[in-house]
Amino acid sequence: MEILGKEVEYNWRLFFDQILNSSYKKEFVTKIADGAVRSYEYFKNPPKNSPINQLPIIINGFLMTYRLPAFDVNSPAKSVSAVINKGIKLFSTAKIDVAPFIEQAYAAVIEAL
């Protein structure tokens, strides 16, 4: 995570060095932060008539039409691993287990949040 953080900081620095107007920089950062907060709030507490509330039903219907396991919101890493492994088994000849990689990525995301 440290390497990723350093890489992000370096790239942001390169980006912001190209912008000469300091008020534009401040406005840009404010807009990005506002958008991120609004997106987070929308997904955390979606309105009652929002399509986000129906998303698990839509996703599971799509997965079941392709004979893939359903997605369980209570154990997302395990569900994603099962879907990917089954997809690889059904649609390719490769023999790979992605569960360890998904678990590591999930742990990193949880740690970052």
PDB file of N, CA and C in Angstrom:
ATOM      1  N   MET A   1       0.825  -1.191   0.000  1.00  0.00           N
ATOM      2  CA  MET A   1       0.000   0.000   0.000  1.00  0.00           C
ATOM      3  C   MET A   1       0.871   1.257   0.000  1.00  0.00           C
ATOM      4  N   GLU A   2       2.034   1.173   0.656  1.00  0.00           N
ATOM      5  CA  GLU A   2       2.916   2.335   0.687  1.00  0.00           C
ATOM      6  C   GLU A   2       3.420   2.687  -0.708  1.00  0.00           C
ATOM      7  N   ILE A   3       3.774   1.663  -1.467  1.00  0.00           N
ATOM      8  CA  ILE A   3       4.276   1.898  -2.821  1.00  0.00           C
ATOM      9  C   ILE A   3       3.177   2.523  -3.673  1.00  0.00           C
ATOM     10  N   LEU A   4       1.971   2.006  -3.544  1.00  0.00           N
ATOM     11  CA  LEU A   4       0.845   2.559  -4.299  1.00  0.00           C
ATOM     12  C   LEU A   4       0.589   4.004  -3.893  1.00  0.00           C
ATOM     13  N   GLY A   5       0.640   4.302  -2.605  1.00  0.00           N
ATOM     14  CA  GLY A   5       0.440   5.666  -2.129  1.00  0.00           C
ATOM     15  C   GLY A   5       1.488   6.618  -2.674  1.00  0.00           C
ATOM     16  N   LYS A   6       2.742   6.173  -2.684  1.00  0.00           N
ATOM     17  CA  LYS A   6       3.819   7.016  -3.224  1.00  0.00           C
ATOM     18  C   LYS A   6       3.634   7.256  -4.714  1.00  0.00           C
ATOM     19  N   GLU A   7       3.202   6.230  -5.424  1.00  0.00           N
ATOM     20  CA  GLU A   7       2.974   6.361  -6.865  1.00  0.00           C
ATOM     21  C   GLU A   7       1.849   7.357  -7.144  1.00  0.00           C
ATOM     22  N   VAL A   8       0.782   7.278  -6.369  1.00  0.00           N
ATOM     23  CA  VAL A   8      -0.343   8.202  -6.541  1.00  0.00           C
ATOM     24  C   VAL A   8       0.098   9.633  -6.253  1.00  0.00           C
ATOM     25  N   GLU A   9       0.826   9.833  -5.167  1.00  0.00           N
ATOM     26  CA  GLU A   9       1.310  11.177  -4.835  1.00  0.00           C
ATOM     27  C   GLU A   9       2.211  11.729  -5.925  1.00  0.00           C
ATOM     28  N   TYR A  10       3.084  10.902  -6.459  1.00  0.00           N
ATOM     29  CA  TYR A  10       3.988  11.338  -7.521  1.00  0.00           C
ATOM     30  C   TYR A  10       3.206  11.766  -8.765  1.00  0.00           C
ATOM     31  N   ASN A  11       2.229  10.949  -9.162  1.00  0.00           N
ATOM     32  CA  ASN A  11       1.445  11.276 -10.361  1.00  0.00           C
ATOM     33  C   ASN A  11       0.591  12.516 -10.156  1.00  0.00           C
ATOM     34  N   TRP A  12       0.010  12.668  -8.949  1.00  0.00           N
ATOM     35  CA  TRP A  12      -0.768  13.889  -8.672  1.00  0.00           C
ATOM     36  C   TRP A  12       0.140  15.112  -8.723  1.00  0.00           C
ATOM     37  N   ARG A  13       1.346  15.001  -8.190  1.00  0.00           N
ATOM     38  CA  ARG A  13       2.281  16.117  -8.220  1.00  0.00           C
ATOM     39  C   ARG A  13       2.615  16.499  -9.657  1.00  0.00           C
ATOM     40  N   LEU A  14       2.846  15.500 -10.509  1.00  0.00           N
ATOM     41  CA  LEU A  14       3.115  15.787 -11.917  1.00  0.00           C
ATOM     42  C   LEU A  14       1.935  16.488 -12.573  1.00  0.00           C
ATOM     43  N   PHE A  15       0.729  16.036 -12.248  1.00  0.00           N
ATOM     44  CA  PHE A  15      -0.473  16.632 -12.822  1.00  0.00           C
ATOM     45  C   PHE A  15      -0.635  18.084 -12.371  1.00  0.00           C
ATOM     46  N   PHE A  16      -0.496  18.326 -11.062  1.00  0.00           N
ATOM     47  CA  PHE A  16      -0.717  19.667 -10.542  1.00  0.00           C
ATOM     48  C   PHE A  16       0.398  20.641 -10.892  1.00  0.00           C
ATOM     49  N   ASP A  17       1.583  20.143 -11.165  1.00  0.00           N
ATOM     50  CA  ASP A  17       2.655  21.033 -11.610  1.00  0.00           C
ATOM     51  C   ASP A  17       2.366  21.629 -12.980  1.00  0.00           C
ATOM     52  N   GLN A  18       1.535  20.960 -13.756  1.00  0.00           N
ATOM     53  CA  GLN A  18       1.180  21.460 -15.079  1.00  0.00           C
ATOM     54  C   GLN A  18       0.141  22.586 -15.014  1.00  0.00           C
ATOM     55  N   ILE A  19      -0.588  22.690 -13.908  1.00  0.00           N
ATOM     56  CA  ILE A  19      -1.609  23.723 -13.744  1.00  0.00           C
ATOM     57  C   ILE A  19      -0.962  24.914 -13.051  1.00  0.00           C
ATOM     58  N   LEU A  20      -0.983  26.055 -13.712  1.00  0.00           N
ATOM     59  CA  LEU A  20      -0.297  27.230 -13.182  1.00  0.00           C
ATOM     60  C   LEU A  20      -1.205  28.098 -12.313  1.00  0.00           C
ATOM     61  N   ASN A  21      -2.490  28.107 -12.580  1.00  0.00           N
ATOM     62  CA  ASN A  21      -3.424  28.959 -11.866  1.00  0.00           C
ATOM     63  C   ASN A  21      -3.797  28.317 -10.531  1.00  0.00           C
ATOM     64  N   SER A  22      -3.426  28.950  -9.405  1.00  0.00           N
ATOM     65  CA  SER A  22      -3.649  28.350  -8.090  1.00  0.00           C
ATOM     66  C   SER A  22      -5.134  28.299  -7.731  1.00  0.00           C
ATOM     67  N   SER A  23      -5.919  29.261  -8.180  1.00  0.00           N
ATOM     68  CA  SER A  23      -7.356  29.212  -7.876  1.00  0.00           C
ATOM     69  C   SER A  23      -8.023  28.072  -8.649  1.00  0.00           C
ATOM     70  N   TYR A  24      -7.524  27.791  -9.844  1.00  0.00           N
ATOM     71  CA  TYR A  24      -8.056  26.659 -10.613  1.00  0.00           C
ATOM     72  C   TYR A  24      -7.706  25.343  -9.925  1.00  0.00           C
ATOM     73  N   LYS A  25      -6.491  25.239  -9.372  1.00  0.00           N
ATOM     74  CA  LYS A  25      -6.095  24.039  -8.637  1.00  0.00           C
ATOM     75  C   LYS A  25      -7.021  23.804  -7.448  1.00  0.00           C
ATOM     76  N   LYS A  26      -7.263  24.890  -6.680  1.00  0.00           N
ATOM     77  CA  LYS A  26      -8.110  24.772  -5.494  1.00  0.00           C
ATOM     78  C   LYS A  26      -9.527  24.380  -5.882  1.00  0.00           C
ATOM     79  N   GLU A  27     -10.058  24.997  -6.933  1.00  0.00           N
ATOM     80  CA  GLU A  27     -11.416  24.669  -7.388  1.00  0.00           C
ATOM     81  C   GLU A  27     -11.499  23.228  -7.876  1.00  0.00           C
ATOM     82  N   PHE A  28     -10.475  22.763  -8.573  1.00  0.00           N
ATOM     83  CA  PHE A  28     -10.443  21.404  -9.082  1.00  0.00           C
ATOM     84  C   PHE A  28     -10.465  20.389  -7.928  1.00  0.00           C
ATOM     85  N   VAL A  29      -9.631  20.611  -6.929  1.00  0.00           N
ATOM     86  CA  VAL A  29      -9.574  19.709  -5.783  1.00  0.00           C
ATOM     87  C   VAL A  29     -10.905  19.716  -5.038  1.00  0.00           C
ATOM     88  N   THR A  30     -11.502  20.896  -4.884  1.00  0.00           N
ATOM     89  CA  THR A  30     -12.796  20.998  -4.204  1.00  0.00           C
ATOM     90  C   THR A  30     -13.871  20.237  -4.957  1.00  0.00           C
ATOM     91  N   LYS A  31     -13.904  20.369  -6.275  1.00  0.00           N
ATOM     92  CA  LYS A  31     -14.905  19.660  -7.088  1.00  0.00           C
ATOM     93  C   LYS A  31     -14.718  18.147  -7.002  1.00  0.00           C
ATOM     94  N   ILE A  32     -13.473  17.682  -7.079  1.00  0.00           N
ATOM     95  CA  ILE A  32     -13.197  16.244  -6.991  1.00  0.00           C
ATOM     96  C   ILE A  32     -13.607  15.710  -5.621  1.00  0.00           C
ATOM     97  N   ALA A  33     -13.261  16.434  -4.569  1.00  0.00           N
ATOM     98  CA  ALA A  33     -13.611  16.002  -3.217  1.00  0.00           C
ATOM     99  C   ALA A  33     -15.122  15.986  -3.021  1.00  0.00           C
ATOM    100  N   ASP A  34     -15.797  17.008  -3.523  1.00  0.00           N
ATOM    101  CA  ASP A  34     -17.256  17.074  -3.409  1.00  0.00           C
ATOM    102  C   ASP A  34     -17.908  15.910  -4.149  1.00  0.00           C
ATOM    103  N   GLY A  35     -17.417  15.620  -5.339  1.00  0.00           N
ATOM    104  CA  GLY A  35     -17.950  14.487  -6.102  1.00  0.00           C
ATOM    105  C   GLY A  35     -17.721  13.158  -5.408  1.00  0.00           C
ATOM    106  N   ALA A  36     -16.556  12.998  -4.806  1.00  0.00           N
ATOM    107  CA  ALA A  36     -16.257  11.756  -4.091  1.00  0.00           C
ATOM    108  C   ALA A  36     -17.168  11.590  -2.875  1.00  0.00           C
ATOM    109  N   VAL A  37     -17.385  12.672  -2.136  1.00  0.00           N
ATOM    110  CA  VAL A  37     -18.251  12.606  -0.949  1.00  0.00           C
ATOM    111  C   VAL A  37     -19.688  12.321  -1.367  1.00  0.00           C
ATOM    112  N   ARG A  38     -20.162  12.987  -2.407  1.00  0.00           N
ATOM    113  CA  ARG A  38     -21.534  12.743  -2.874  1.00  0.00           C
ATOM    114  C   ARG A  38     -21.715  11.310  -3.362  1.00  0.00           C
ATOM    115  N   SER A  39     -20.740  10.793  -4.074  1.00  0.00           N
ATOM    116  CA  SER A  39     -20.825   9.404  -4.550  1.00  0.00           C
ATOM    117  C   SER A  39     -20.847   8.435  -3.382  1.00  0.00           C
ATOM    118  N   TYR A  40     -19.988   8.667  -2.412  1.00  0.00           N
ATOM    119  CA  TYR A  40     -19.946   7.808  -1.229  1.00  0.00           C
ATOM    120  C   TYR A  40     -21.285   7.839  -0.500  1.00  0.00           C
ATOM    121  N   GLU A  41     -21.833   9.029  -0.292  1.00  0.00           N
ATOM    122  CA  GLU A  41     -23.114   9.164   0.406  1.00  0.00           C
ATOM    123  C   GLU A  41     -24.235   8.485  -0.374  1.00  0.00           C
ATOM    124  N   TYR A  42     -24.222   8.608  -1.701  1.00  0.00           N
ATOM    125  CA  TYR A  42     -25.263   7.998  -2.526  1.00  0.00           C
ATOM    126  C   TYR A  42     -25.234   6.477  -2.407  1.00  0.00           C
ATOM    127  N   PHE A  43     -24.050   5.894  -2.442  1.00  0.00           N
ATOM    128  CA  PHE A  43     -23.957   4.437  -2.353  1.00  0.00           C
ATOM    129  C   PHE A  43     -24.144   3.937  -0.923  1.00  0.00           C
ATOM    130  N   LYS A  44     -23.780   4.749   0.049  1.00  0.00           N
ATOM    131  CA  LYS A  44     -23.937   4.342   1.440  1.00  0.00           C
ATOM    132  C   LYS A  44     -25.408   4.395   1.869  1.00  0.00           C
ATOM    133  N   ASN A  45     -26.123   5.433   1.468  1.00  0.00           N
ATOM    134  CA  ASN A  45     -27.539   5.612   1.813  1.00  0.00           C
ATOM    135  C   ASN A  45     -28.336   5.961   0.559  1.00  0.00           C
ATOM    136  N   PRO A  46     -28.576   4.982  -0.317  1.00  0.00           N
ATOM    137  CA  PRO A  46     -29.284   5.304  -1.572  1.00  0.00           C
ATOM    138  C   PRO A  46     -30.752   5.642  -1.314  1.00  0.00           C
ATOM    139  N   PRO A  47     -31.336   6.490  -2.157  1.00  0.00           N
ATOM    140  CA  PRO A  47     -32.760   6.787  -2.035  1.00  0.00           C
ATOM    141  C   PRO A  47     -33.593   5.522  -2.263  1.00  0.00           C
ATOM    142  N   LYS A  48     -34.812   5.517  -1.769  1.00  0.00           N
ATOM    143  CA  LYS A  48     -35.674   4.322  -1.851  1.00  0.00           C
ATOM    144  C   LYS A  48     -35.946   3.901  -3.294  1.00  0.00           C
ATOM    145  N   ASN A  49     -36.110   4.856  -4.205  1.00  0.00           N
ATOM    146  CA  ASN A  49     -36.431   4.518  -5.598  1.00  0.00           C
ATOM    147  C   ASN A  49     -35.193   4.397  -6.479  1.00  0.00           C
ATOM    148  N   SER A  50     -34.033   4.285  -5.869  1.00  0.00           N
ATOM    149  CA  SER A  50     -32.777   4.238  -6.611  1.00  0.00           C
ATOM    150  C   SER A  50     -32.546   2.863  -7.245  1.00  0.00           C
ATOM    151  N   PRO A  51     -31.956   2.837  -8.435  1.00  0.00           N
ATOM    152  CA  PRO A  51     -31.605   1.551  -9.046  1.00  0.00           C
ATOM    153  C   PRO A  51     -30.524   0.803  -8.261  1.00  0.00           C
ATOM    154  N   ILE A  52     -29.789   1.503  -7.426  1.00  0.00           N
ATOM    155  CA  ILE A  52     -28.752   0.859  -6.615  1.00  0.00           C
ATOM    156  C   ILE A  52     -29.381  -0.171  -5.682  1.00  0.00           C
ATOM    157  N   ASN A  53     -30.600   0.091  -5.217  1.00  0.00           N
ATOM    158  CA  ASN A  53     -31.275  -0.861  -4.334  1.00  0.00           C
ATOM    159  C   ASN A  53     -31.612  -2.164  -5.053  1.00  0.00           C
ATOM    160  N   GLN A  54     -31.790  -2.116  -6.363  1.00  0.00           N
ATOM    161  CA  GLN A  54     -32.145  -3.297  -7.145  1.00  0.00           C
ATOM    162  C   GLN A  54     -30.929  -3.964  -7.779  1.00  0.00           C
ATOM    163  N   LEU A  55     -29.766  -3.376  -7.606  1.00  0.00           N
ATOM    164  CA  LEU A  55     -28.560  -3.899  -8.244  1.00  0.00           C
ATOM    165  C   LEU A  55     -28.227  -5.342  -7.863  1.00  0.00           C
ATOM    166  N   PRO A  56     -28.323  -5.750  -6.591  1.00  0.00           N
ATOM    167  CA  PRO A  56     -28.026  -7.161  -6.277  1.00  0.00           C
ATOM    168  C   PRO A  56     -28.946  -8.146  -7.009  1.00  0.00           C
ATOM    169  N   ILE A  57     -30.194  -7.794  -7.172  1.00  0.00           N
ATOM    170  CA  ILE A  57     -31.138  -8.671  -7.881  1.00  0.00           C
ATOM    171  C   ILE A  57     -30.752  -8.768  -9.354  1.00  0.00           C
ATOM    172  N   ILE A  58     -30.403  -7.630  -9.941  1.00  0.00           N
ATOM    173  CA  ILE A  58     -30.020  -7.612 -11.357  1.00  0.00           C
ATOM    174  C   ILE A  58     -28.735  -8.409 -11.571  1.00  0.00           C
ATOM    175  N   ILE A  59     -27.752  -8.202 -10.709  1.00  0.00           N
ATOM    176  CA  ILE A  59     -26.472  -8.913 -10.841  1.00  0.00           C
ATOM    177  C   ILE A  59     -26.669 -10.419 -10.686  1.00  0.00           C
ATOM    178  N   ASN A  60     -27.422 -10.831  -9.673  1.00  0.00           N
ATOM    179  CA  ASN A  60     -27.635 -12.262  -9.459  1.00  0.00           C
ATOM    180  C   ASN A  60     -28.433 -12.893 -10.596  1.00  0.00           C
ATOM    181  N   GLY A  61     -29.402 -12.169 -11.145  1.00  0.00           N
ATOM    182  CA  GLY A  61     -30.130 -12.682 -12.310  1.00  0.00           C
ATOM    183  C   GLY A  61     -29.213 -12.887 -13.498  1.00  0.00           C
ATOM    184  N   PHE A  62     -28.319 -11.926 -13.737  1.00  0.00           N
ATOM    185  CA  PHE A  62     -27.356 -12.042 -14.828  1.00  0.00           C
ATOM    186  C   PHE A  62     -26.428 -13.225 -14.600  1.00  0.00           C
ATOM    187  N   LEU A  63     -25.918 -13.376 -13.379  1.00  0.00           N
ATOM    188  CA  LEU A  63     -25.002 -14.475 -13.086  1.00  0.00           C
ATOM    189  C   LEU A  63     -25.687 -15.829 -13.249  1.00  0.00           C
ATOM    190  N   MET A  64     -26.926 -15.938 -12.811  1.00  0.00           N
ATOM    191  CA  MET A  64     -27.629 -17.217 -12.898  1.00  0.00           C
ATOM    192  C   MET A  64     -27.951 -17.602 -14.335  1.00  0.00           C
ATOM    193  N   THR A  65     -28.143 -16.619 -15.216  1.00  0.00           N
ATOM    194  CA  THR A  65     -28.394 -16.963 -16.622  1.00  0.00           C
ATOM    195  C   THR A  65     -27.178 -17.610 -17.266  1.00  0.00           C
ATOM    196  N   TYR A  66     -25.996 -17.326 -16.749  1.00  0.00           N
ATOM    197  CA  TYR A  66     -24.773 -17.937 -17.267  1.00  0.00           C
ATOM    198  C   TYR A  66     -24.285 -19.090 -16.392  1.00  0.00           C
ATOM    199  N   ARG A  67     -25.169 -19.607 -15.520  1.00  0.00           N
ATOM    200  CA  ARG A  67     -24.868 -20.725 -14.619  1.00  0.00           C
ATOM    201  C   ARG A  67     -23.672 -20.443 -13.716  1.00  0.00           C
ATOM    202  N   LEU A  68     -23.585 -19.200 -13.254  1.00  0.00           N
ATOM    203  CA  LEU A  68     -22.538 -18.809 -12.324  1.00  0.00           C
ATOM    204  C   LEU A  68     -23.145 -18.674 -10.930  1.00  0.00           C
ATOM    205  N   PRO A  69     -22.342 -18.809  -9.883  1.00  0.00           N
ATOM    206  CA  PRO A  69     -22.881 -18.690  -8.530  1.00  0.00           C
ATOM    207  C   PRO A  69     -23.382 -17.280  -8.232  1.00  0.00           C
ATOM    208  N   ALA A  70     -24.352 -17.191  -7.348  1.00  0.00           N
ATOM    209  CA  ALA A  70     -24.914 -15.894  -6.969  1.00  0.00           C
ATOM    210  C   ALA A  70     -23.915 -15.112  -6.122  1.00  0.00           C
ATOM    211  N   PHE A  71     -24.058 -13.795  -6.153  1.00  0.00           N
ATOM    212  CA  PHE A  71     -23.211 -12.911  -5.365  1.00  0.00           C
ATOM    213  C   PHE A  71     -23.828 -12.710  -3.988  1.00  0.00           C
ATOM    214  N   ASP A  72     -23.024 -12.897  -2.958  1.00  0.00           N
ATOM    215  CA  ASP A  72     -23.485 -12.724  -1.577  1.00  0.00           C
ATOM    216  C   ASP A  72     -22.826 -11.467  -1.011  1.00  0.00           C
ATOM    217  N   VAL A  73     -23.641 -10.467  -0.644  1.00  0.00           N
ATOM    218  CA  VAL A  73     -23.087  -9.215  -0.137  1.00  0.00           C
ATOM    219  C   VAL A  73     -22.449  -9.377   1.238  1.00  0.00           C
ATOM    220  N   ASN A  74     -22.778 -10.429   1.950  1.00  0.00           N
ATOM    221  CA  ASN A  74     -22.201 -10.647   3.273  1.00  0.00           C
ATOM    222  C   ASN A  74     -20.765 -11.163   3.214  1.00  0.00           C
ATOM    223  N   SER A  75     -20.406 -11.825   2.136  1.00  0.00           N
ATOM    224  CA  SER A  75     -19.021 -12.275   1.951  1.00  0.00           C
ATOM    225  C   SER A  75     -18.598 -11.983   0.512  1.00  0.00           C
ATOM    226  N   PRO A  76     -18.291 -10.714   0.214  1.00  0.00           N
ATOM    227  CA  PRO A  76     -18.005 -10.326  -1.171  1.00  0.00           C
ATOM    228  C   PRO A  76     -16.759 -10.972  -1.766  1.00  0.00           C
ATOM    229  N   ALA A  77     -15.701 -11.101  -0.991  1.00  0.00           N
ATOM    230  CA  ALA A  77     -14.473 -11.685  -1.545  1.00  0.00           C
ATOM    231  C   ALA A  77     -14.689 -13.139  -1.936  1.00  0.00           C
ATOM    232  N   LYS A  78     -15.350 -13.887  -1.086  1.00  0.00           N
ATOM    233  CA  LYS A  78     -15.627 -15.295  -1.377  1.00  0.00           C
ATOM    234  C   LYS A  78     -16.549 -15.421  -2.594  1.00  0.00           C
ATOM    235  N   SER A  79     -17.542 -14.548  -2.687  1.00  0.00           N
ATOM    236  CA  SER A  79     -18.478 -14.586  -3.811  1.00  0.00           C
ATOM    237  C   SER A  79     -17.790 -14.256  -5.134  1.00  0.00           C
ATOM    238  N   VAL A  80     -16.970 -13.210  -5.110  1.00  0.00           N
ATOM    239  CA  VAL A  80     -16.261 -12.826  -6.339  1.00  0.00           C
ATOM    240  C   VAL A  80     -15.318 -13.939  -6.761  1.00  0.00           C
ATOM    241  N   SER A  81     -14.624 -14.545  -5.806  1.00  0.00           N
ATOM    242  CA  SER A  81     -13.726 -15.661  -6.122  1.00  0.00           C
ATOM    243  C   SER A  81     -14.498 -16.817  -6.747  1.00  0.00           C
ATOM    244  N   ALA A  82     -15.649 -17.143  -6.183  1.00  0.00           N
ATOM    245  CA  ALA A  82     -16.452 -18.250  -6.717  1.00  0.00           C
ATOM    246  C   ALA A  82     -16.934 -17.942  -8.129  1.00  0.00           C
ATOM    247  N   VAL A  83     -17.372 -16.705  -8.370  1.00  0.00           N
ATOM    248  CA  VAL A  83     -17.857 -16.330  -9.706  1.00  0.00           C
ATOM    249  C   VAL A  83     -16.717 -16.392 -10.719  1.00  0.00           C
ATOM    250  N   ILE A  84     -15.572 -15.842 -10.379  1.00  0.00           N
ATOM    251  CA  ILE A  84     -14.443 -15.844 -11.316  1.00  0.00           C
ATOM    252  C   ILE A  84     -13.942 -17.261 -11.570  1.00  0.00           C
ATOM    253  N   ASN A  85     -13.794 -18.058 -10.521  1.00  0.00           N
ATOM    254  CA  ASN A  85     -13.330 -19.432 -10.703  1.00  0.00           C
ATOM    255  C   ASN A  85     -14.288 -20.239 -11.561  1.00  0.00           C
ATOM    256  N   LYS A  86     -15.585 -20.093 -11.313  1.00  0.00           N
ATOM    257  CA  LYS A  86     -16.575 -20.820 -12.111  1.00  0.00           C
ATOM    258  C   LYS A  86     -16.568 -20.319 -13.552  1.00  0.00           C
ATOM    259  N   GLY A  87     -16.433 -19.000 -13.744  1.00  0.00           N
ATOM    260  CA  GLY A  87     -16.353 -18.444 -15.092  1.00  0.00           C
ATOM    261  C   GLY A  87     -15.152 -18.969 -15.856  1.00  0.00           C
ATOM    262  N   ILE A  88     -14.012 -19.039 -15.183  1.00  0.00           N
ATOM    263  CA  ILE A  88     -12.811 -19.591 -15.823  1.00  0.00           C
ATOM    264  C   ILE A  88     -13.041 -21.051 -16.189  1.00  0.00           C
ATOM    265  N   LYS A  89     -13.668 -21.791 -15.290  1.00  0.00           N
ATOM    266  CA  LYS A  89     -13.921 -23.215 -15.539  1.00  0.00           C
ATOM    267  C   LYS A  89     -14.891 -23.409 -16.713  1.00  0.00           C
ATOM    268  N   LEU A  90     -15.928 -22.555 -16.788  1.00  0.00           N
ATOM    269  CA  LEU A  90     -16.940 -22.709 -17.840  1.00  0.00           C
ATOM    270  C   LEU A  90     -16.471 -22.205 -19.201  1.00  0.00           C
ATOM    271  N   PHE A  91     -15.760 -21.087 -19.221  1.00  0.00           N
ATOM    272  CA  PHE A  91     -15.494 -20.400 -20.480  1.00  0.00           C
ATOM    273  C   PHE A  91     -14.062 -20.490 -20.975  1.00  0.00           C
ATOM    274  N   SER A  92     -13.195 -21.217 -20.269  1.00  0.00           N
ATOM    275  CA  SER A  92     -11.822 -21.359 -20.750  1.00  0.00           C
ATOM    276  C   SER A  92     -11.283 -22.728 -20.348  1.00  0.00           C
ATOM    277  N   THR A  93     -10.082 -22.996 -20.788  1.00  0.00           N
ATOM    278  CA  THR A  93      -9.447 -24.264 -20.444  1.00  0.00           C
ATOM    279  C   THR A  93      -8.365 -24.073 -19.382  1.00  0.00           C
ATOM    280  N   ALA A  94      -8.188 -22.840 -18.940  1.00  0.00           N
ATOM    281  CA  ALA A  94      -7.158 -22.554 -17.928  1.00  0.00           C
ATOM    282  C   ALA A  94      -7.556 -23.146 -16.586  1.00  0.00           C
ATOM    283  N   LYS A  95      -6.561 -23.567 -15.846  1.00  0.00           N
ATOM    284  CA  LYS A  95      -6.794 -24.103 -14.505  1.00  0.00           C
ATOM    285  C   LYS A  95      -6.059 -23.195 -13.519  1.00  0.00           C
ATOM    286  N   ILE A  96      -6.809 -22.273 -12.966  1.00  0.00           N
ATOM    287  CA  ILE A  96      -6.233 -21.299 -12.041  1.00  0.00           C
ATOM    288  C   ILE A  96      -7.243 -21.021 -10.937  1.00  0.00           C
ATOM    289  N   ASP A  97      -6.722 -20.805  -9.738  1.00  0.00           N
ATOM    290  CA  ASP A  97      -7.568 -20.447  -8.605  1.00  0.00           C
ATOM    291  C   ASP A  97      -7.249 -19.005  -8.230  1.00  0.00           C
ATOM    292  N   VAL A  98      -8.231 -18.125  -8.376  1.00  0.00           N
ATOM    293  CA  VAL A  98      -8.007 -16.712  -8.100  1.00  0.00           C
ATOM    294  C   VAL A  98      -8.339 -16.318  -6.667  1.00  0.00           C
ATOM    295  N   ALA A  99      -8.808 -17.255  -5.869  1.00  0.00           N
ATOM    296  CA  ALA A  99      -9.245 -16.943  -4.499  1.00  0.00           C
ATOM    297  C   ALA A  99      -8.158 -16.260  -3.667  1.00  0.00           C
ATOM    298  N   PRO A 100      -6.904 -16.734  -3.678  1.00  0.00           N
ATOM    299  CA  PRO A 100      -5.890 -16.047  -2.858  1.00  0.00           C
ATOM    300  C   PRO A 100      -5.666 -14.589  -3.289  1.00  0.00           C
ATOM    301  N   PHE A 101      -5.709 -14.346  -4.580  1.00  0.00           N
ATOM    302  CA  PHE A 101      -5.501 -12.990  -5.086  1.00  0.00           C
ATOM    303  C   PHE A 101      -6.665 -12.079  -4.700  1.00  0.00           C
ATOM    304  N   ILE A 102      -7.879 -12.585  -4.813  1.00  0.00           N
ATOM    305  CA  ILE A 102      -9.069 -11.811  -4.457  1.00  0.00           C
ATOM    306  C   ILE A 102      -9.059 -11.508  -2.963  1.00  0.00           C
ATOM    307  N   GLU A 103      -8.701 -12.484  -2.143  1.00  0.00           N
ATOM    308  CA  GLU A 103      -8.656 -12.274  -0.695  1.00  0.00           C
ATOM    309  C   GLU A 103      -7.640 -11.189  -0.334  1.00  0.00           C
ATOM    310  N   GLN A 104      -6.467 -11.210  -0.969  1.00  0.00           N
ATOM    311  CA  GLN A 104      -5.448 -10.200  -0.700  1.00  0.00           C
ATOM    312  C   GLN A 104      -5.924  -8.817  -1.137  1.00  0.00           C
ATOM    313  N   ALA A 105      -6.534  -8.742  -2.316  1.00  0.00           N
ATOM    314  CA  ALA A 105      -7.031  -7.454  -2.811  1.00  0.00           C
ATOM    315  C   ALA A 105      -8.140  -6.925  -1.908  1.00  0.00           C
ATOM    316  N   TYR A 106      -9.020  -7.801  -1.469  1.00  0.00           N
ATOM    317  CA  TYR A 106     -10.117  -7.406  -0.577  1.00  0.00           C
ATOM    318  C   TYR A 106      -9.563  -6.908   0.757  1.00  0.00           C
ATOM    319  N   ALA A 107      -8.580  -7.607   1.291  1.00  0.00           N
ATOM    320  CA  ALA A 107      -7.964  -7.181   2.552  1.00  0.00           C
ATOM    321  C   ALA A 107      -7.295  -5.815   2.403  1.00  0.00           C
ATOM    322  N   ALA A 108      -6.646  -5.576   1.264  1.00  0.00           N
ATOM    323  CA  ALA A 108      -5.998  -4.285   1.021  1.00  0.00           C
ATOM    324  C   ALA A 108      -7.023  -3.160   0.918  1.00  0.00           C
ATOM    325  N   VAL A 109      -8.134  -3.424   0.254  1.00  0.00           N
ATOM    326  CA  VAL A 109      -9.187  -2.410   0.128  1.00  0.00           C
ATOM    327  C   VAL A 109      -9.799  -2.107   1.486  1.00  0.00           C
ATOM    328  N   ILE A 110     -10.082  -3.138   2.256  1.00  0.00           N
ATOM    329  CA  ILE A 110     -10.650  -2.934   3.600  1.00  0.00           C
ATOM    330  C   ILE A 110      -9.684  -2.152   4.477  1.00  0.00           C
ATOM    331  N   GLU A 111      -8.396  -2.461   4.367  1.00  0.00           N
ATOM    332  CA  GLU A 111      -7.396  -1.740   5.150  1.00  0.00           C
ATOM    333  C   GLU A 111      -7.319  -0.276   4.732  1.00  0.00           C
ATOM    334  N   ALA A 112      -7.444  -0.028   3.428  1.00  0.00           N
ATOM    335  CA  ALA A 112      -7.361   1.354   2.922  1.00  0.00           C
ATOM    336  C   ALA A 112      -8.587   2.171   3.340  1.00  0.00           C
ATOM    337  N   LEU A 113      -9.731   1.514   3.452  1.00  0.00           N
ATOM    338  CA  LEU A 113     -10.937   2.251   3.848  1.00  0.00           C
ATOM    339  C   LEU A 113     -10.912   2.487   5.328  1.00  0.00           C
TER     340      LEU A 113
END
